[in-house]
Amino acid sequence: MSSSPSTRAIYPSLRSRRVLVTGGASGIGEGLVEAFVAQGARVAFCDIADDAAAELVARLEGDAVHPPLYRRCDLTDVEAVRALVAETEAALGGIDVLVNNAGNDDRHRIDEVTPAYWDARMAVNLRHMFFAAQAAVPSMRRAGGGVILNFGSISWHLGSRDMPIYQVAKAGIEGLTRALARDLGRDGIRVATVVPGNVQTPRQERWYTPEGAAEIVAAQCLDGRIQPADVAALVLFLASDDARMCTGHSYFIDAGWR
């Protein structure tokens, strides 16, 4: 059984909350932006896919209490990340929730990896999460608390093939979450990792044949494909005050695949 928009949970604590989502123009990120906007949050998101971002803003702004704001940002550029956070703070009046969603799961083989490729994969999948958090923490401290949600991946828990450097980065995200949660907890800042399974997005459909997708569903405890809205439901809870004692851990949304 799947929920419809009319039956999904509403979190009063998220209304007008100031949220920054990275990689928000498509896939899971698009679902996150849509879900926070539906809660009445004030949402900014970044991406490098300008056309998809413009389409998302146009689709949501008509019915939104607070229309989403789009900022183009290459997250592999640390100074651009810092500028993004500063611009978001100025536009929204601060940042209460940072959702570090952006990443790139291009496949690669061990013998193809060069030092330059290693550095590029760390930059796009791990490094920006730390520097975005570093830049957002002062605003959260001034507000008396906040939430940082980092997106991991089930891939390294499964030991998936043909993506070793991606899995190194995603494993590091869970370590980053543990460290930030410990260092920031007394400031009222909660930090958690969201670990999706195989989510049915246009990008993931590139990697899997119908037969491959059926094998994944067969390996899950539950039938059906995970949708971006399913991931967003978990993220909304973790961002809300209902999850006020949830920090330092990884939360799986994988239909029991792992």
C-alpha atoms as a PDB file:
ATOM      1  CA  MET A   1       0.000   0.000   0.000  1.00  0.00           C
ATOM      2  CA  SER A   2       1.363   3.424  -0.932  1.00  0.00           C
ATOM      3  CA  SER A   3       0.331   6.770   0.513  1.00  0.00           C
ATOM      4  CA  SER A   4      -1.247   9.558  -1.492  1.00  0.00           C
ATOM      5  CA  PRO A   5      -0.342  13.230  -0.984  1.00  0.00           C
ATOM      6  CA  SER A   6      -3.599  13.720   0.931  1.00  0.00           C
ATOM      7  CA  THR A   7      -2.714  11.067   3.515  1.00  0.00           C
ATOM      8  CA  ARG A   8       0.942  11.905   4.142  1.00  0.00           C
ATOM      9  CA  ALA A   9       2.088  13.297   7.472  1.00  0.00           C
ATOM     10  CA  ILE A  10       2.168  17.041   8.101  1.00  0.00           C
ATOM     11  CA  TYR A  11       4.847  18.340  10.482  1.00  0.00           C
ATOM     12  CA  PRO A  12       3.908  21.706  12.004  1.00  0.00           C
ATOM     13  CA  SER A  13       7.524  22.220  13.065  1.00  0.00           C
ATOM     14  CA  LEU A  14       8.620  22.300   9.406  1.00  0.00           C
ATOM     15  CA  ARG A  15       6.333  25.181   8.451  1.00  0.00           C
ATOM     16  CA  SER A  16       8.503  28.165   7.476  1.00  0.00           C
ATOM     17  CA  ARG A  17      11.640  26.236   8.434  1.00  0.00           C
ATOM     18  CA  ARG A  18      14.602  27.330   6.320  1.00  0.00           C
ATOM     19  CA  VAL A  19      15.917  24.411   4.259  1.00  0.00           C
ATOM     20  CA  LEU A  20      18.802  24.020   1.814  1.00  0.00           C
ATOM     21  CA  VAL A  21      18.825  20.918  -0.419  1.00  0.00           C
ATOM     22  CA  THR A  22      21.827  20.106  -2.618  1.00  0.00           C
ATOM     23  CA  GLY A  23      21.263  18.332  -5.916  1.00  0.00           C
ATOM     24  CA  GLY A  24      17.595  19.229  -5.840  1.00  0.00           C
ATOM     25  CA  ALA A  25      16.634  19.471  -9.504  1.00  0.00           C
ATOM     26  CA  SER A  26      15.900  15.827 -10.259  1.00  0.00           C
ATOM     27  CA  GLY A  27      15.561  12.335  -8.831  1.00  0.00           C
ATOM     28  CA  ILE A  28      15.573  12.023  -5.051  1.00  0.00           C
ATOM     29  CA  GLY A  29      16.486  15.688  -4.686  1.00  0.00           C
ATOM     30  CA  GLU A  30      13.440  16.774  -6.657  1.00  0.00           C
ATOM     31  CA  GLY A  31      11.278  14.679  -4.350  1.00  0.00           C
ATOM     32  CA  LEU A  32      12.878  16.324  -1.322  1.00  0.00           C
ATOM     33  CA  VAL A  33      12.279  19.850  -2.603  1.00  0.00           C
ATOM     34  CA  GLU A  34       8.676  19.027  -3.436  1.00  0.00           C
ATOM     35  CA  ALA A  35       8.075  17.464  -0.002  1.00  0.00           C
ATOM     36  CA  PHE A  36       9.542  20.353   1.997  1.00  0.00           C
ATOM     37  CA  VAL A  37       7.641  22.918  -0.081  1.00  0.00           C
ATOM     38  CA  ALA A  38       4.421  20.983   0.581  1.00  0.00           C
ATOM     39  CA  GLN A  39       5.140  21.300   4.313  1.00  0.00           C
ATOM     40  CA  GLY A  40       5.253  25.085   3.992  1.00  0.00           C
ATOM     41  CA  ALA A  41       9.015  25.235   4.487  1.00  0.00           C
ATOM     42  CA  ARG A  42      11.157  27.934   2.930  1.00  0.00           C
ATOM     43  CA  VAL A  43      13.319  25.953   0.536  1.00  0.00           C
ATOM     44  CA  ALA A  44      16.414  26.769  -1.476  1.00  0.00           C
ATOM     45  CA  PHE A  45      18.090  24.157  -3.624  1.00  0.00           C
ATOM     46  CA  CYS A  46      21.147  23.957  -5.804  1.00  0.00           C
ATOM     47  CA  ASP A  47      22.138  21.947  -8.846  1.00  0.00           C
ATOM     48  CA  ILE A  48      23.910  22.354 -12.182  1.00  0.00           C
ATOM     49  CA  ALA A  49      20.897  21.174 -14.224  1.00  0.00           C
ATOM     50  CA  ASP A  50      19.387  24.595 -14.934  1.00  0.00           C
ATOM     51  CA  ASP A  51      16.549  23.460 -17.193  1.00  0.00           C
ATOM     52  CA  ALA A  52      15.324  20.768 -14.805  1.00  0.00           C
ATOM     53  CA  ALA A  53      15.564  23.218 -11.906  1.00  0.00           C
ATOM     54  CA  ALA A  54      13.536  25.838 -13.759  1.00  0.00           C
ATOM     55  CA  GLU A  55      10.861  23.272 -14.571  1.00  0.00           C
ATOM     56  CA  LEU A  56      10.665  22.223 -10.919  1.00  0.00           C
ATOM     57  CA  VAL A  57      10.317  25.813  -9.689  1.00  0.00           C
ATOM     58  CA  ALA A  58       7.621  26.516 -12.282  1.00  0.00           C
ATOM     59  CA  ARG A  59       5.709  23.386 -11.279  1.00  0.00           C
ATOM     60  CA  LEU A  60       5.775  24.139  -7.543  1.00  0.00           C
ATOM     61  CA  GLU A  61       5.595  27.897  -7.221  1.00  0.00           C
ATOM     62  CA  GLY A  62       1.887  28.294  -8.042  1.00  0.00           C
ATOM     63  CA  ASP A  63       0.565  26.402  -5.013  1.00  0.00           C
ATOM     64  CA  ALA A  64       3.492  26.950  -2.648  1.00  0.00           C
ATOM     65  CA  VAL A  65       3.247  28.943   0.571  1.00  0.00           C
ATOM     66  CA  HIS A  66       6.918  29.736  -0.049  1.00  0.00           C
ATOM     67  CA  PRO A  67       8.053  29.152  -3.669  1.00  0.00           C
ATOM     68  CA  PRO A  68      11.412  27.354  -3.851  1.00  0.00           C
ATOM     69  CA  LEU A  69      14.556  29.249  -4.727  1.00  0.00           C
ATOM     70  CA  TYR A  70      17.116  27.812  -7.147  1.00  0.00           C
ATOM     71  CA  ARG A  71      20.829  28.554  -7.068  1.00  0.00           C
ATOM     72  CA  ARG A  72      23.283  27.091  -9.560  1.00  0.00           C
ATOM     73  CA  CYS A  73      26.332  25.682  -7.774  1.00  0.00           C
ATOM     74  CA  ASP A  74      29.214  23.407  -8.709  1.00  0.00           C
ATOM     75  CA  LEU A  75      29.665  21.628  -5.394  1.00  0.00           C
ATOM     76  CA  THR A  76      33.169  20.468  -6.288  1.00  0.00           C
ATOM     77  CA  ASP A  77      34.247  24.112  -5.841  1.00  0.00           C
ATOM     78  CA  VAL A  78      34.570  24.744  -2.099  1.00  0.00           C
ATOM     79  CA  GLU A  79      34.382  28.521  -2.481  1.00  0.00           C
ATOM     80  CA  ALA A  80      31.187  28.106  -4.501  1.00  0.00           C
ATOM     81  CA  VAL A  81      29.761  25.957  -1.703  1.00  0.00           C
ATOM     82  CA  ARG A  82      30.549  28.650   0.849  1.00  0.00           C
ATOM     83  CA  ALA A  83      28.983  31.291  -1.385  1.00  0.00           C
ATOM     84  CA  LEU A  84      25.875  29.127  -1.827  1.00  0.00           C
ATOM     85  CA  VAL A  85      25.399  28.843   1.922  1.00  0.00           C
ATOM     86  CA  ALA A  86      25.947  32.581   2.425  1.00  0.00           C
ATOM     87  CA  GLU A  87      23.456  33.439  -0.351  1.00  0.00           C
ATOM     88  CA  THR A  88      20.906  31.023   1.081  1.00  0.00           C
ATOM     89  CA  GLU A  89      21.260  32.500   4.556  1.00  0.00           C
ATOM     90  CA  ALA A  90      20.732  35.975   3.132  1.00  0.00           C
ATOM     91  CA  ALA A  91      17.700  34.937   1.107  1.00  0.00           C
ATOM     92  CA  LEU A  92      15.996  32.863   3.799  1.00  0.00           C
ATOM     93  CA  GLY A  93      17.249  34.649   6.897  1.00  0.00           C
ATOM     94  CA  GLY A  94      19.264  31.616   8.017  1.00  0.00           C
ATOM     95  CA  ILE A  95      19.483  27.866   7.555  1.00  0.00           C
ATOM     96  CA  ASP A  96      17.712  25.455   9.879  1.00  0.00           C
ATOM     97  CA  VAL A  97      18.030  22.273   7.810  1.00  0.00           C
ATOM     98  CA  LEU A  98      20.828  21.281   5.456  1.00  0.00           C
ATOM     99  CA  VAL A  99      20.175  18.242   3.269  1.00  0.00           C
ATOM    100  CA  ASN A 100      23.427  17.075   1.685  1.00  0.00           C
ATOM    101  CA  ASN A 101      21.838  15.023  -1.077  1.00  0.00           C
ATOM    102  CA  ALA A 102      24.017  15.630  -4.141  1.00  0.00           C
ATOM    103  CA  GLY A 103      26.329  12.938  -5.455  1.00  0.00           C
ATOM    104  CA  ASN A 104      27.395  11.042  -8.560  1.00  0.00           C
ATOM    105  CA  ASP A 105      27.364   7.263  -8.828  1.00  0.00           C
ATOM    106  CA  ASP A 106      29.050   6.812 -12.208  1.00  0.00           C
ATOM    107  CA  ARG A 107      30.369   3.278 -12.569  1.00  0.00           C
ATOM    108  CA  HIS A 108      34.121   2.663 -12.729  1.00  0.00           C
ATOM    109  CA  ARG A 109      36.534  -0.241 -12.600  1.00  0.00           C
ATOM    110  CA  ILE A 110      39.576  -0.569 -10.337  1.00  0.00           C
ATOM    111  CA  ASP A 111      42.073  -0.492 -13.201  1.00  0.00           C
ATOM    112  CA  GLU A 112      40.526   2.695 -14.611  1.00  0.00           C
ATOM    113  CA  VAL A 113      40.978   4.828 -11.472  1.00  0.00           C
ATOM    114  CA  THR A 114      43.630   7.550 -11.591  1.00  0.00           C
ATOM    115  CA  PRO A 115      44.614   9.959  -8.796  1.00  0.00           C
ATOM    116  CA  ALA A 116      42.708  12.708 -10.613  1.00  0.00           C
ATOM    117  CA  TYR A 117      39.581  10.555 -10.840  1.00  0.00           C
ATOM    118  CA  TRP A 118      39.891   9.671  -7.138  1.00  0.00           C
ATOM    119  CA  ASP A 119      40.069  13.349  -6.195  1.00  0.00           C
ATOM    120  CA  ALA A 120      37.144  14.225  -8.458  1.00  0.00           C
ATOM    121  CA  ARG A 121      34.939  11.480  -6.952  1.00  0.00           C
ATOM    122  CA  MET A 122      35.769  12.561  -3.405  1.00  0.00           C
ATOM    123  CA  ALA A 123      34.939  16.147  -4.334  1.00  0.00           C
ATOM    124  CA  VAL A 124      31.544  15.339  -5.847  1.00  0.00           C
ATOM    125  CA  ASN A 125      30.481  12.703  -3.310  1.00  0.00           C
ATOM    126  CA  LEU A 126      32.018  13.599   0.068  1.00  0.00           C
ATOM    127  CA  ARG A 127      34.045  16.789   0.398  1.00  0.00           C
ATOM    128  CA  HIS A 128      31.222  19.248  -0.293  1.00  0.00           C
ATOM    129  CA  MET A 129      29.145  17.739   2.514  1.00  0.00           C
ATOM    130  CA  PHE A 130      31.702  18.711   5.119  1.00  0.00           C
ATOM    131  CA  PHE A 131      32.208  22.226   3.789  1.00  0.00           C
ATOM    132  CA  ALA A 132      28.489  22.875   3.380  1.00  0.00           C
ATOM    133  CA  ALA A 133      27.979  21.776   6.980  1.00  0.00           C
ATOM    134  CA  GLN A 134      30.920  23.866   8.155  1.00  0.00           C
ATOM    135  CA  ALA A 135      29.443  26.937   6.468  1.00  0.00           C
ATOM    136  CA  ALA A 136      25.892  26.334   7.750  1.00  0.00           C
ATOM    137  CA  VAL A 137      26.772  25.614  11.390  1.00  0.00           C
ATOM    138  CA  PRO A 138      27.184  29.263  12.502  1.00  0.00           C
ATOM    139  CA  SER A 139      23.646  30.068  11.347  1.00  0.00           C
ATOM    140  CA  MET A 140      22.301  27.016  13.164  1.00  0.00           C
ATOM    141  CA  ARG A 141      24.165  27.952  16.334  1.00  0.00           C
ATOM    142  CA  ARG A 142      22.670  31.435  16.227  1.00  0.00           C
ATOM    143  CA  ALA A 143      19.219  29.883  15.867  1.00  0.00           C
ATOM    144  CA  GLY A 144      19.805  27.582  18.835  1.00  0.00           C
ATOM    145  CA  GLY A 145      19.963  24.375  16.784  1.00  0.00           C
ATOM    146  CA  GLY A 146      19.485  22.746  13.429  1.00  0.00           C
ATOM    147  CA  VAL A 147      19.569  19.548  11.413  1.00  0.00           C
ATOM    148  CA  ILE A 148      22.134  18.224   8.944  1.00  0.00           C
ATOM    149  CA  LEU A 149      21.110  15.190   6.882  1.00  0.00           C
ATOM    150  CA  ASN A 150      23.790  13.517   4.790  1.00  0.00           C
ATOM    151  CA  PHE A 151      22.879  11.091   2.026  1.00  0.00           C
ATOM    152  CA  GLY A 152      24.782   7.831   2.066  1.00  0.00           C
ATOM    153  CA  SER A 153      24.279   4.767  -0.098  1.00  0.00           C
ATOM    154  CA  ILE A 154      23.419   1.122   0.360  1.00  0.00           C
ATOM    155  CA  SER A 155      26.095   0.252  -2.223  1.00  0.00           C
ATOM    156  CA  TRP A 156      28.986  -0.131   0.189  1.00  0.00           C
ATOM    157  CA  HIS A 157      26.864  -2.101   2.642  1.00  0.00           C
ATOM    158  CA  LEU A 158      26.156  -4.539  -0.193  1.00  0.00           C
ATOM    159  CA  GLY A 159      29.641  -4.482  -1.680  1.00  0.00           C
ATOM    160  CA  SER A 160      28.309  -3.563  -5.113  1.00  0.00           C
ATOM    161  CA  ARG A 161      30.425  -4.043  -8.220  1.00  0.00           C
ATOM    162  CA  ASP A 162      32.118  -1.445 -10.427  1.00  0.00           C
ATOM    163  CA  MET A 163      31.988   1.537  -8.082  1.00  0.00           C
ATOM    164  CA  PRO A 164      34.824   1.210  -5.521  1.00  0.00           C
ATOM    165  CA  ILE A 165      35.647   4.916  -5.173  1.00  0.00           C
ATOM    166  CA  TYR A 166      31.991   5.873  -4.883  1.00  0.00           C
ATOM    167  CA  GLN A 167      31.637   3.334  -2.081  1.00  0.00           C
ATOM    168  CA  VAL A 168      34.694   4.709  -0.266  1.00  0.00           C
ATOM    169  CA  ALA A 169      33.108   8.165  -0.329  1.00  0.00           C
ATOM    170  CA  LYS A 170      29.725   6.904   0.813  1.00  0.00           C
ATOM    171  CA  ALA A 171      31.241   4.922   3.671  1.00  0.00           C
ATOM    172  CA  GLY A 172      33.070   8.096   4.700  1.00  0.00           C
ATOM    173  CA  ILE A 173      29.778   9.983   4.875  1.00  0.00           C
ATOM    174  CA  GLU A 174      28.588   7.750   7.704  1.00  0.00           C
ATOM    175  CA  GLY A 175      31.824   8.454   9.575  1.00  0.00           C
ATOM    176  CA  LEU A 176      31.389  12.177   8.943  1.00  0.00           C
ATOM    177  CA  THR A 177      27.883  12.011  10.367  1.00  0.00           C
ATOM    178  CA  ARG A 178      29.089  10.320  13.552  1.00  0.00           C
ATOM    179  CA  ALA A 179      31.832  12.899  14.041  1.00  0.00           C
ATOM    180  CA  LEU A 180      29.635  15.936  13.377  1.00  0.00           C
ATOM    181  CA  ALA A 181      26.859  14.626  15.617  1.00  0.00           C
ATOM    182  CA  ARG A 182      29.293  14.331  18.518  1.00  0.00           C
ATOM    183  CA  ASP A 183      30.929  17.709  17.976  1.00  0.00           C
ATOM    184  CA  LEU A 184      27.703  19.660  17.350  1.00  0.00           C
ATOM    185  CA  GLY A 185      25.207  17.969  19.648  1.00  0.00           C
ATOM    186  CA  ARG A 186      25.648  20.402  22.545  1.00  0.00           C
ATOM    187  CA  ASP A 187      24.783  23.203  20.140  1.00  0.00           C
ATOM    188  CA  GLY A 188      21.414  21.561  19.527  1.00  0.00           C
ATOM    189  CA  ILE A 189      22.421  20.450  16.035  1.00  0.00           C
ATOM    190  CA  ARG A 190      21.373  16.947  15.009  1.00  0.00           C
ATOM    191  CA  VAL A 191      23.204  15.056  12.264  1.00  0.00           C
ATOM    192  CA  ALA A 192      22.073  11.827  10.599  1.00  0.00           C
ATOM    193  CA  THR A 193      22.700   9.777   7.468  1.00  0.00           C
ATOM    194  CA  VAL A 194      19.892   8.708   5.150  1.00  0.00           C
ATOM    195  CA  VAL A 195      20.724   5.470   3.325  1.00  0.00           C
ATOM    196  CA  PRO A 196      18.471   4.809   0.327  1.00  0.00           C
ATOM    197  CA  GLY A 197      18.202   1.479  -1.404  1.00  0.00           C
ATOM    198  CA  ASN A 198      17.529   1.321  -5.130  1.00  0.00           C
ATOM    199  CA  VAL A 199      15.207   4.251  -5.777  1.00  0.00           C
ATOM    200  CA  GLN A 200      13.317   4.359  -9.064  1.00  0.00           C
ATOM    201  CA  THR A 201      14.583   7.539 -10.705  1.00  0.00           C
ATOM    202  CA  PRO A 202      15.393   8.260 -14.360  1.00  0.00           C
ATOM    203  CA  ARG A 203      19.122   8.101 -13.533  1.00  0.00           C
ATOM    204  CA  GLN A 204      18.882   4.687 -11.878  1.00  0.00           C
ATOM    205  CA  GLU A 205      16.874   3.379 -14.800  1.00  0.00           C
ATOM    206  CA  ARG A 206      20.014   3.952 -16.899  1.00  0.00           C
ATOM    207  CA  TRP A 207      21.883   1.305 -14.930  1.00  0.00           C
ATOM    208  CA  TYR A 208      19.280  -1.442 -14.654  1.00  0.00           C
ATOM    209  CA  THR A 209      17.465  -3.546 -17.213  1.00  0.00           C
ATOM    210  CA  PRO A 210      13.936  -4.649 -16.300  1.00  0.00           C
ATOM    211  CA  GLU A 211      15.449  -8.007 -15.386  1.00  0.00           C
ATOM    212  CA  GLY A 212      18.017  -6.336 -13.123  1.00  0.00           C
ATOM    213  CA  ALA A 213      15.335  -4.273 -11.408  1.00  0.00           C
ATOM    214  CA  ALA A 214      13.287  -7.421 -10.850  1.00  0.00           C
ATOM    215  CA  GLU A 215      16.305  -9.062  -9.196  1.00  0.00           C
ATOM    216  CA  ILE A 216      16.593  -6.141  -6.785  1.00  0.00           C
ATOM    217  CA  VAL A 217      12.910  -6.337  -5.859  1.00  0.00           C
ATOM    218  CA  ALA A 218      13.290 -10.086  -5.343  1.00  0.00           C
ATOM    219  CA  ALA A 219      16.173  -9.405  -2.914  1.00  0.00           C
ATOM    220  CA  GLN A 220      14.092  -6.927  -0.900  1.00  0.00           C
ATOM    221  CA  CYS A 221      11.793  -7.940   1.928  1.00  0.00           C
ATOM    222  CA  LEU A 222       9.019  -5.851   0.364  1.00  0.00           C
ATOM    223  CA  ASP A 223       7.637  -5.880  -3.150  1.00  0.00           C
ATOM    224  CA  GLY A 224       7.714  -2.747  -5.279  1.00  0.00           C
ATOM    225  CA  ARG A 225      10.218  -0.070  -6.224  1.00  0.00           C
ATOM    226  CA  ILE A 226      11.214   2.636  -3.761  1.00  0.00           C
ATOM    227  CA  GLN A 227      10.095   6.088  -4.949  1.00  0.00           C
ATOM    228  CA  PRO A 228      11.616   9.528  -4.215  1.00  0.00           C
ATOM    229  CA  ALA A 229       8.502  10.314  -2.150  1.00  0.00           C
ATOM    230  CA  ASP A 230       9.288   7.344   0.109  1.00  0.00           C
ATOM    231  CA  VAL A 231      12.758   8.732   0.788  1.00  0.00           C
ATOM    232  CA  ALA A 232      11.330  12.209   1.328  1.00  0.00           C
ATOM    233  CA  ALA A 233       8.946  10.858   3.966  1.00  0.00           C
ATOM    234  CA  LEU A 234      11.903   9.661   6.039  1.00  0.00           C
ATOM    235  CA  VAL A 235      13.783  12.917   5.523  1.00  0.00           C
ATOM    236  CA  LEU A 236      10.806  15.021   6.624  1.00  0.00           C
ATOM    237  CA  PHE A 237      10.550  13.070   9.862  1.00  0.00           C
ATOM    238  CA  LEU A 238      14.278  13.376  10.601  1.00  0.00           C
ATOM    239  CA  ALA A 239      14.185  17.117   9.859  1.00  0.00           C
ATOM    240  CA  SER A 240      11.173  17.707  12.083  1.00  0.00           C
ATOM    241  CA  ASP A 241      11.029  18.258  15.834  1.00  0.00           C
ATOM    242  CA  ASP A 242       9.385  14.829  16.129  1.00  0.00           C
ATOM    243  CA  ALA A 243      12.894  13.387  15.627  1.00  0.00           C
ATOM    244  CA  ARG A 244      14.430  15.637  18.272  1.00  0.00           C
ATOM    245  CA  MET A 245      16.398  12.778  19.884  1.00  0.00           C
ATOM    246  CA  CYS A 246      17.575  11.184  16.620  1.00  0.00           C
ATOM    247  CA  THR A 247      21.215  11.934  15.836  1.00  0.00           C
ATOM    248  CA  GLY A 248      24.496  10.268  14.992  1.00  0.00           C
ATOM    249  CA  HIS A 249      23.006   7.287  13.197  1.00  0.00           C
ATOM    250  CA  SER A 250      22.152   5.946   9.744  1.00  0.00           C
ATOM    251  CA  TYR A 251      18.531   5.438   8.746  1.00  0.00           C
ATOM    252  CA  PHE A 252      17.815   2.990   5.929  1.00  0.00           C
ATOM    253  CA  ILE A 253      15.027   3.261   3.383  1.00  0.00           C
ATOM    254  CA  ASP A 254      15.747   0.148   1.313  1.00  0.00           C
ATOM    255  CA  ALA A 255      12.636  -2.087   1.505  1.00  0.00           C
ATOM    256  CA  GLY A 256      14.753  -4.574   3.458  1.00  0.00           C
ATOM    257  CA  TRP A 257      17.316  -5.102   0.682  1.00  0.00           C
ATOM    258  CA  ARG A 258      20.369  -5.007   2.971  1.00  0.00           C
END
